[in-house]
Protein backbone atom coordinates (compact mmCIF):
# COMPACT_ATOMS: atom_id res chain seq x y z
CA MET A 1 60.47 11.04 -12.56
CA ASP A 2 63.20 13.58 -11.81
CA ASN A 3 62.32 17.42 -11.45
CA GLU A 4 63.33 18.30 -15.01
CA GLU A 5 61.01 15.66 -16.49
CA TYR A 6 58.19 16.85 -14.11
CA LEU A 7 58.73 20.26 -15.23
CA LYS A 8 58.53 19.58 -18.61
CA GLU A 9 55.28 17.68 -18.37
CA LEU A 10 53.97 20.43 -15.99
CA LEU A 11 54.66 23.09 -18.71
CA LYS A 12 52.36 21.39 -21.26
CA TRP A 13 49.41 22.49 -19.03
CA VAL A 14 50.33 25.54 -17.27
CA SER A 15 51.66 29.01 -18.30
CA SER A 16 53.87 31.60 -16.78
CA ASP A 17 51.47 34.33 -17.65
CA SER A 18 48.45 33.09 -15.27
CA LEU A 19 47.77 31.51 -11.95
CA LEU A 20 44.95 29.70 -10.77
CA ILE A 21 43.80 30.65 -7.22
CA ILE A 22 40.81 29.91 -4.89
CA ASP A 23 39.14 33.18 -3.96
CA VAL A 24 37.59 34.41 -0.73
CA GLU A 25 34.34 32.69 -1.82
CA GLY A 26 35.94 29.20 -2.40
CA LEU A 27 35.83 29.58 -6.17
CA VAL A 28 38.64 28.70 -8.56
CA ARG A 29 39.81 31.76 -10.41
CA ARG A 30 42.47 32.34 -12.97
CA ILE A 31 44.46 35.66 -12.64
CA TYR A 32 46.71 36.94 -15.37
CA CYS A 33 49.93 38.76 -15.22
CA PRO A 34 50.46 41.57 -14.26
CA PHE A 35 48.77 41.35 -10.95
CA GLU A 36 49.45 43.00 -7.62
CA VAL A 37 50.73 41.64 -4.51
CA ILE A 38 51.69 43.00 -1.14
CA CYS A 39 55.14 42.22 0.29
CA LEU A 40 55.33 40.27 3.47
CA ALA A 41 59.17 40.51 4.12
CA GLU A 42 61.89 43.01 3.63
CA PHE A 43 64.19 42.90 0.61
CA ASN A 44 66.84 45.15 -0.68
CA ASP A 45 64.54 46.81 -3.49
CA ILE A 46 60.94 45.76 -1.99
CA ASP A 47 59.78 46.99 1.58
CA ILE A 48 57.46 45.32 3.81
CA GLY A 49 53.79 46.35 2.87
CA GLU A 50 54.78 47.59 -0.59
CA LYS A 51 52.49 46.77 -3.49
CA VAL A 52 54.34 45.46 -6.46
CA SER A 53 53.32 44.04 -9.82
CA VAL A 54 54.18 40.28 -10.83
CA ASP A 55 55.31 40.15 -14.30
CA ALA A 56 55.28 36.24 -14.34
CA TYR A 57 54.75 33.26 -12.45
CA LYS A 58 57.40 30.43 -12.77
CA ILE A 59 58.46 27.16 -11.12
CA SER A 60 62.42 26.76 -10.43
CA LEU A 61 64.16 23.42 -11.11
CA SER A 62 63.81 22.73 -7.50
CA LEU A 63 60.15 22.82 -7.96
CA LYS A 64 59.70 26.03 -5.85
CA GLU A 65 57.16 28.63 -7.05
CA VAL A 66 58.37 32.03 -7.66
CA TYR A 67 56.97 35.38 -8.77
CA ILE A 68 59.17 37.51 -11.27
CA ILE A 69 58.86 41.06 -9.94
CA LYS A 70 61.15 43.94 -11.36
CA GLY A 71 63.25 41.26 -13.46
CA LYS A 72 64.07 39.12 -10.23
CA ALA A 73 62.57 35.80 -8.84
CA TYR A 74 61.04 35.89 -5.32
CA LEU A 75 59.60 32.86 -3.61
CA ILE A 76 55.68 33.45 -3.70
CA TYR A 77 55.23 32.89 0.13
CA TYR A 78 56.73 36.24 0.66
CA PHE A 79 53.70 38.03 -0.98
CA ARG A 80 50.02 37.91 -0.53
CA ILE A 81 47.78 38.43 -3.75
CA ILE A 82 45.68 41.53 -3.86
CA LEU A 83 42.23 40.71 -5.68
């Protein structure tokens, strides 16, 4: 199965407006967009440590997870979710 076929199948079960996480107590929770994250890296329009709102959660064709923030896609590992 190539990436495009995989994404088509995956999108039958997931949504871009929510994300499943494991909280600090080890419980699975669904959080809905918008939710806040803290930036862990420096970007042109986002500073390290800045709190920003995630508008959507997406998966790229290369199967990389991204947050849509201020209309741009950022890899999720540059951010920490605030619960």
